[in-house]
């Protein structure tokens, strides 16, 4: 391998790393925004449920409020976990994209 080949390899590697880092940064920011939004929504729903619970006039009403809160919290959590899972998969795909071409070249050289 010549010096020129080594320099090209170094530049190409740096470009791939920077591209991957950019994709990672963008995806990580989207994940952070999603987590913050979910946390805010969860706190608001929890506060509303407590307010309803404290205003319950009977044990039956209190149990109903609690049951509704638990059901909706579980459903929201499952939906959020699914959404975050998809964001993490997208992060991995985007971070790997710059390296796909290099991996294909390595496979061809073998």
N, C-alpha and C. Protein backbone atom coordinates (compact mmCIF):
# COMPACT_ATOMS: atom_id res chain seq x y z
N UNK A 1 0.86 -1.17 0.00
CA UNK A 1 0.00 0.00 0.00
C UNK A 1 0.91 1.24 0.00
N UNK A 2 0.64 2.16 -0.89
CA UNK A 2 1.46 3.35 -1.01
C UNK A 2 1.04 4.38 0.03
N UNK A 3 1.87 5.39 0.16
CA UNK A 3 1.58 6.48 1.09
C UNK A 3 0.28 7.18 0.69
N UNK A 4 0.09 7.35 -0.62
CA UNK A 4 -1.13 7.99 -1.13
C UNK A 4 -2.37 7.15 -0.78
N UNK A 5 -2.25 5.83 -0.89
CA UNK A 5 -3.36 4.93 -0.53
C UNK A 5 -3.68 5.06 0.97
N UNK A 6 -2.64 5.14 1.77
CA UNK A 6 -2.82 5.27 3.23
C UNK A 6 -3.53 6.58 3.57
N UNK A 7 -3.14 7.66 2.88
CA UNK A 7 -3.77 8.95 3.13
C UNK A 7 -5.25 8.91 2.72
N UNK A 8 -5.54 8.32 1.57
CA UNK A 8 -6.92 8.20 1.11
C UNK A 8 -7.73 7.35 2.09
N UNK A 9 -7.14 6.26 2.55
CA UNK A 9 -7.82 5.40 3.52
C UNK A 9 -8.11 6.18 4.80
N UNK A 10 -7.15 6.97 5.27
CA UNK A 10 -7.34 7.78 6.47
C UNK A 10 -8.44 8.81 6.30
N UNK A 11 -8.46 9.48 5.15
CA UNK A 11 -9.49 10.48 4.88
C UNK A 11 -10.87 9.82 4.79
N UNK A 12 -10.92 8.70 4.08
CA UNK A 12 -12.19 7.99 3.94
C UNK A 12 -12.71 7.51 5.30
N UNK A 13 -11.81 7.00 6.11
CA UNK A 13 -12.19 6.52 7.45
C UNK A 13 -12.71 7.66 8.30
N UNK A 14 -12.05 8.79 8.23
CA UNK A 14 -12.48 9.96 9.01
C UNK A 14 -13.84 10.45 8.52
N UNK A 15 -14.04 10.47 7.23
CA UNK A 15 -15.33 10.90 6.68
C UNK A 15 -16.44 9.97 7.13
N UNK A 16 -16.19 8.66 7.12
CA UNK A 16 -17.20 7.70 7.57
C UNK A 16 -17.51 7.90 9.05
N UNK A 17 -16.47 8.09 9.84
CA UNK A 17 -16.66 8.27 11.28
C UNK A 17 -17.46 9.55 11.56
N UNK A 18 -17.15 10.62 10.87
CA UNK A 18 -17.87 11.88 11.09
C UNK A 18 -19.33 11.76 10.65
N UNK A 19 -19.56 11.08 9.55
CA UNK A 19 -20.92 10.88 9.07
C UNK A 19 -21.72 10.04 10.06
N UNK A 20 -21.09 9.01 10.57
CA UNK A 20 -21.73 8.14 11.55
C UNK A 20 -22.02 8.91 12.84
N UNK A 21 -21.08 9.73 13.26
CA UNK A 21 -21.26 10.54 14.47
C UNK A 21 -22.41 11.53 14.29
N UNK A 22 -22.51 12.12 13.10
CA UNK A 22 -23.61 13.05 12.82
C UNK A 22 -24.96 12.36 12.90
N UNK A 23 -25.06 11.16 12.33
CA UNK A 23 -26.30 10.39 12.39
C UNK A 23 -26.61 10.00 13.83
N UNK A 24 -25.59 9.60 14.57
CA UNK A 24 -25.77 9.23 15.97
C UNK A 24 -26.27 10.42 16.77
N UNK A 25 -25.67 11.57 16.56
CA UNK A 25 -26.05 12.78 17.29
C UNK A 25 -27.49 13.16 17.01
N UNK A 26 -27.88 13.12 15.75
CA UNK A 26 -29.25 13.46 15.35
C UNK A 26 -30.25 12.50 15.98
N UNK A 27 -29.97 11.21 15.91
CA UNK A 27 -30.86 10.21 16.47
C UNK A 27 -30.91 10.29 18.00
N UNK A 28 -29.76 10.51 18.63
CA UNK A 28 -29.73 10.62 20.09
C UNK A 28 -30.54 11.83 20.55
N UNK A 29 -30.49 12.90 19.79
CA UNK A 29 -31.28 14.08 20.13
C UNK A 29 -32.78 13.78 20.01
N UNK A 30 -33.17 13.05 18.99
CA UNK A 30 -34.58 12.68 18.83
C UNK A 30 -35.03 11.79 19.98
N UNK A 31 -34.18 10.89 20.42
CA UNK A 31 -34.51 10.02 21.56
C UNK A 31 -34.66 10.85 22.82
N UNK A 32 -33.74 11.78 23.04
CA UNK A 32 -33.81 12.63 24.24
C UNK A 32 -35.09 13.46 24.26
N UNK A 33 -35.45 14.02 23.12
CA UNK A 33 -36.69 14.81 23.03
C UNK A 33 -37.89 13.93 23.34
N UNK A 34 -37.89 12.74 22.80
CA UNK A 34 -39.01 11.81 23.03
C UNK A 34 -39.13 11.45 24.52
N UNK A 35 -38.00 11.19 25.16
CA UNK A 35 -38.02 10.84 26.59
C UNK A 35 -38.52 12.01 27.43
N UNK A 36 -38.08 13.20 27.12
CA UNK A 36 -38.52 14.39 27.87
C UNK A 36 -40.02 14.61 27.67
N UNK A 37 -40.49 14.50 26.44
CA UNK A 37 -41.92 14.68 26.17
C UNK A 37 -42.76 13.64 26.91
N UNK A 38 -42.30 12.38 26.89
CA UNK A 38 -43.03 11.33 27.60
C UNK A 38 -43.03 11.59 29.10
N UNK A 39 -41.92 12.03 29.65
CA UNK A 39 -41.83 12.32 31.09
C UNK A 39 -42.80 13.43 31.48
N UNK A 40 -42.85 14.48 30.67
CA UNK A 40 -43.78 15.58 30.95
C UNK A 40 -45.22 15.10 30.92
N UNK A 41 -45.56 14.35 29.87
CA UNK A 41 -46.91 13.85 29.72
C UNK A 41 -47.26 12.92 30.89
N UNK A 42 -46.34 12.07 31.27
CA UNK A 42 -46.57 11.14 32.36
C UNK A 42 -46.81 11.87 33.68
N UNK A 43 -46.03 12.92 33.93
CA UNK A 43 -46.21 13.70 35.16
C UNK A 43 -47.57 14.40 35.16
N UNK A 44 -47.98 14.93 34.02
CA UNK A 44 -49.28 15.60 33.92
C UNK A 44 -50.43 14.62 34.15
N UNK A 45 -50.34 13.46 33.54
CA UNK A 45 -51.39 12.44 33.70
C UNK A 45 -51.43 11.96 35.14
N UNK A 46 -50.28 11.79 35.75
CA UNK A 46 -50.22 11.36 37.15
C UNK A 46 -50.85 12.39 38.08
N UNK A 47 -50.53 13.65 37.84
CA UNK A 47 -51.11 14.73 38.67
C UNK A 47 -52.63 14.78 38.51
N UNK A 48 -53.11 14.61 37.30
CA UNK A 48 -54.55 14.62 37.06
C UNK A 48 -55.22 13.44 37.75
N UNK A 49 -54.58 12.29 37.73
CA UNK A 49 -55.14 11.11 38.38
C UNK A 49 -55.19 11.31 39.90
N UNK A 50 -54.15 11.91 40.46
CA UNK A 50 -54.14 12.18 41.91
C UNK A 50 -55.27 13.14 42.28
N UNK A 51 -55.45 14.13 41.42
CA UNK A 51 -56.52 15.10 41.67
C UNK A 51 -57.89 14.41 41.67
N UNK A 52 -58.10 13.54 40.68
CA UNK A 52 -59.36 12.79 40.62
C UNK A 52 -59.50 11.87 41.84
N UNK A 53 -58.40 11.23 42.20
CA UNK A 53 -58.42 10.30 43.32
C UNK A 53 -58.76 11.01 44.62
N UNK A 54 -58.18 12.17 44.83
CA UNK A 54 -58.45 12.93 46.05
C UNK A 54 -59.88 13.46 46.08
N UNK A 55 -60.48 13.65 44.91
CA UNK A 55 -61.85 14.14 44.84
C UNK A 55 -62.90 13.04 44.84
N UNK A 56 -62.45 11.79 44.91
CA UNK A 56 -63.40 10.67 44.89
C UNK A 56 -64.26 10.68 46.14
N UNK A 57 -65.54 10.47 45.96
CA UNK A 57 -66.50 10.51 47.07
C UNK A 57 -66.72 9.13 47.70
N UNK A 58 -66.30 8.08 46.98
CA UNK A 58 -66.50 6.73 47.52
C UNK A 58 -65.29 5.86 47.21
N UNK A 59 -65.18 4.77 47.91
CA UNK A 59 -64.10 3.82 47.67
C UNK A 59 -64.21 3.23 46.27
N UNK A 60 -65.43 3.00 45.83
CA UNK A 60 -65.66 2.45 44.49
C UNK A 60 -65.14 3.41 43.41
N UNK A 61 -65.44 4.69 43.57
CA UNK A 61 -64.96 5.70 42.62
C UNK A 61 -63.44 5.77 42.65
N UNK A 62 -62.87 5.74 43.83
CA UNK A 62 -61.40 5.79 43.97
C UNK A 62 -60.76 4.59 43.27
N UNK A 63 -61.35 3.40 43.44
CA UNK A 63 -60.81 2.20 42.79
C UNK A 63 -60.92 2.31 41.27
N UNK A 64 -62.01 2.88 40.80
CA UNK A 64 -62.21 3.07 39.36
C UNK A 64 -61.17 4.03 38.79
N UNK A 65 -60.94 5.14 39.49
CA UNK A 65 -59.93 6.12 39.05
C UNK A 65 -58.56 5.46 39.02
N UNK A 66 -58.23 4.73 40.07
CA UNK A 66 -56.93 4.06 40.15
C UNK A 66 -56.78 3.04 39.03
N UNK A 67 -57.82 2.28 38.78
CA UNK A 67 -57.78 1.27 37.73
C UNK A 67 -57.59 1.90 36.35
N UNK A 68 -58.32 2.97 36.07
CA UNK A 68 -58.18 3.67 34.79
C UNK A 68 -56.77 4.23 34.63
N UNK A 69 -56.25 4.80 35.72
CA UNK A 69 -54.90 5.36 35.67
C UNK A 69 -53.86 4.28 35.38
N UNK A 70 -53.95 3.16 36.07
CA UNK A 70 -52.99 2.07 35.86
C UNK A 70 -53.07 1.52 34.45
N UNK A 71 -54.29 1.36 33.94
CA UNK A 71 -54.46 0.84 32.58
C UNK A 71 -53.87 1.80 31.55
N UNK A 72 -54.21 3.07 31.67
CA UNK A 72 -53.70 4.04 30.68
C UNK A 72 -52.19 4.22 30.81
N UNK A 73 -51.68 4.18 32.03
CA UNK A 73 -50.22 4.30 32.23
C UNK A 73 -49.49 3.14 31.57
N UNK A 74 -50.03 1.94 31.75
CA UNK A 74 -49.41 0.76 31.14
C UNK A 74 -49.43 0.86 29.62
N UNK A 75 -50.58 1.23 29.07
CA UNK A 75 -50.70 1.35 27.61
C UNK A 75 -49.75 2.42 27.07
N UNK A 76 -49.67 3.56 27.77
CA UNK A 76 -48.76 4.63 27.35
C UNK A 76 -47.31 4.17 27.41
N UNK A 77 -46.96 3.42 28.47
CA UNK A 77 -45.60 2.94 28.62
C UNK A 77 -45.24 1.97 27.49
N UNK A 78 -46.13 1.05 27.17
CA UNK A 78 -45.86 0.09 26.10
C UNK A 78 -45.70 0.82 24.76
N UNK A 79 -46.56 1.79 24.51
CA UNK A 79 -46.45 2.57 23.26
C UNK A 79 -45.13 3.34 23.22
N UNK A 80 -44.76 3.93 24.33
CA UNK A 80 -43.51 4.69 24.38
C UNK A 80 -42.30 3.78 24.22
N UNK A 81 -42.33 2.62 24.86
CA UNK A 81 -41.22 1.67 24.73
C UNK A 81 -41.08 1.21 23.28
N UNK A 82 -42.19 0.99 22.62
CA UNK A 82 -42.16 0.61 21.20
C UNK A 82 -41.56 1.73 20.35
N UNK A 83 -42.01 2.95 20.62
CA UNK A 83 -41.51 4.10 19.86
C UNK A 83 -40.00 4.28 20.09
N UNK A 84 -39.56 4.16 21.34
CA UNK A 84 -38.13 4.30 21.63
C UNK A 84 -37.33 3.17 21.00
N UNK A 85 -37.88 1.97 21.00
CA UNK A 85 -37.21 0.86 20.34
C UNK A 85 -36.98 1.14 18.87
N UNK A 86 -38.00 1.69 18.22
CA UNK A 86 -37.88 2.04 16.81
C UNK A 86 -36.83 3.13 16.59
N UNK A 87 -36.78 4.10 17.50
CA UNK A 87 -35.78 5.16 17.38
C UNK A 87 -34.36 4.60 17.55
N UNK A 88 -34.20 3.65 18.47
CA UNK A 88 -32.88 3.04 18.64
C UNK A 88 -32.48 2.21 17.43
N UNK A 89 -33.43 1.52 16.82
CA UNK A 89 -33.14 0.76 15.59
C UNK A 89 -32.73 1.73 14.48
N UNK A 90 -33.46 2.84 14.35
CA UNK A 90 -33.10 3.85 13.35
C UNK A 90 -31.71 4.42 13.62
N UNK A 91 -31.39 4.64 14.88
CA UNK A 91 -30.07 5.14 15.25
C UNK A 91 -28.99 4.18 14.76
N UNK A 92 -29.17 2.90 15.04
CA UNK A 92 -28.18 1.90 14.62
C UNK A 92 -28.04 1.85 13.10
N UNK A 93 -29.16 1.90 12.40
CA UNK A 93 -29.12 1.86 10.93
C UNK A 93 -28.40 3.08 10.37
N UNK A 94 -28.74 4.26 10.89
CA UNK A 94 -28.13 5.49 10.38
C UNK A 94 -26.64 5.56 10.71
N UNK A 95 -26.27 5.09 11.90
CA UNK A 95 -24.86 5.12 12.29
C UNK A 95 -24.05 4.13 11.46
N UNK A 96 -24.66 3.05 11.00
CA UNK A 96 -23.97 2.03 10.23
C UNK A 96 -23.86 2.37 8.75
N UNK A 97 -24.78 3.17 8.24
CA UNK A 97 -24.82 3.47 6.80
C UNK A 97 -23.48 3.87 6.20
N UNK A 98 -22.74 4.79 6.82
CA UNK A 98 -21.46 5.19 6.21
C UNK A 98 -20.47 4.04 6.06
N UNK A 99 -20.62 3.00 6.87
CA UNK A 99 -19.67 1.90 6.84
C UNK A 99 -20.09 0.78 5.88
N UNK A 100 -21.32 0.83 5.37
CA UNK A 100 -21.80 -0.22 4.46
C UNK A 100 -20.94 -0.33 3.22
N UNK A 101 -20.61 0.81 2.63
CA UNK A 101 -19.79 0.79 1.42
C UNK A 101 -18.41 0.22 1.68
N UNK A 102 -17.83 0.59 2.80
CA UNK A 102 -16.51 0.07 3.15
C UNK A 102 -16.56 -1.44 3.39
N UNK A 103 -17.62 -1.90 4.03
CA UNK A 103 -17.75 -3.33 4.30
C UNK A 103 -17.94 -4.10 2.98
N UNK A 104 -18.66 -3.52 2.05
CA UNK A 104 -18.85 -4.16 0.76
C UNK A 104 -17.50 -4.27 0.01
N UNK A 105 -16.70 -3.21 0.10
CA UNK A 105 -15.38 -3.25 -0.54
C UNK A 105 -14.50 -4.32 0.07
N UNK A 106 -14.55 -4.46 1.38
CA UNK A 106 -13.75 -5.47 2.06
C UNK A 106 -14.20 -6.86 1.63
N UNK A 107 -15.50 -7.05 1.49
CA UNK A 107 -16.02 -8.35 1.06
C UNK A 107 -15.59 -8.68 -0.36
N UNK A 108 -15.53 -7.67 -1.22
CA UNK A 108 -15.13 -7.88 -2.61
C UNK A 108 -13.65 -8.21 -2.69
N UNK A 109 -12.82 -7.54 -1.87
CA UNK A 109 -11.37 -7.75 -1.90
C UNK A 109 -11.03 -9.16 -1.48
N UNK A 110 -11.77 -9.73 -0.55
CA UNK A 110 -11.48 -11.09 -0.08
C UNK A 110 -11.70 -12.02 -1.21
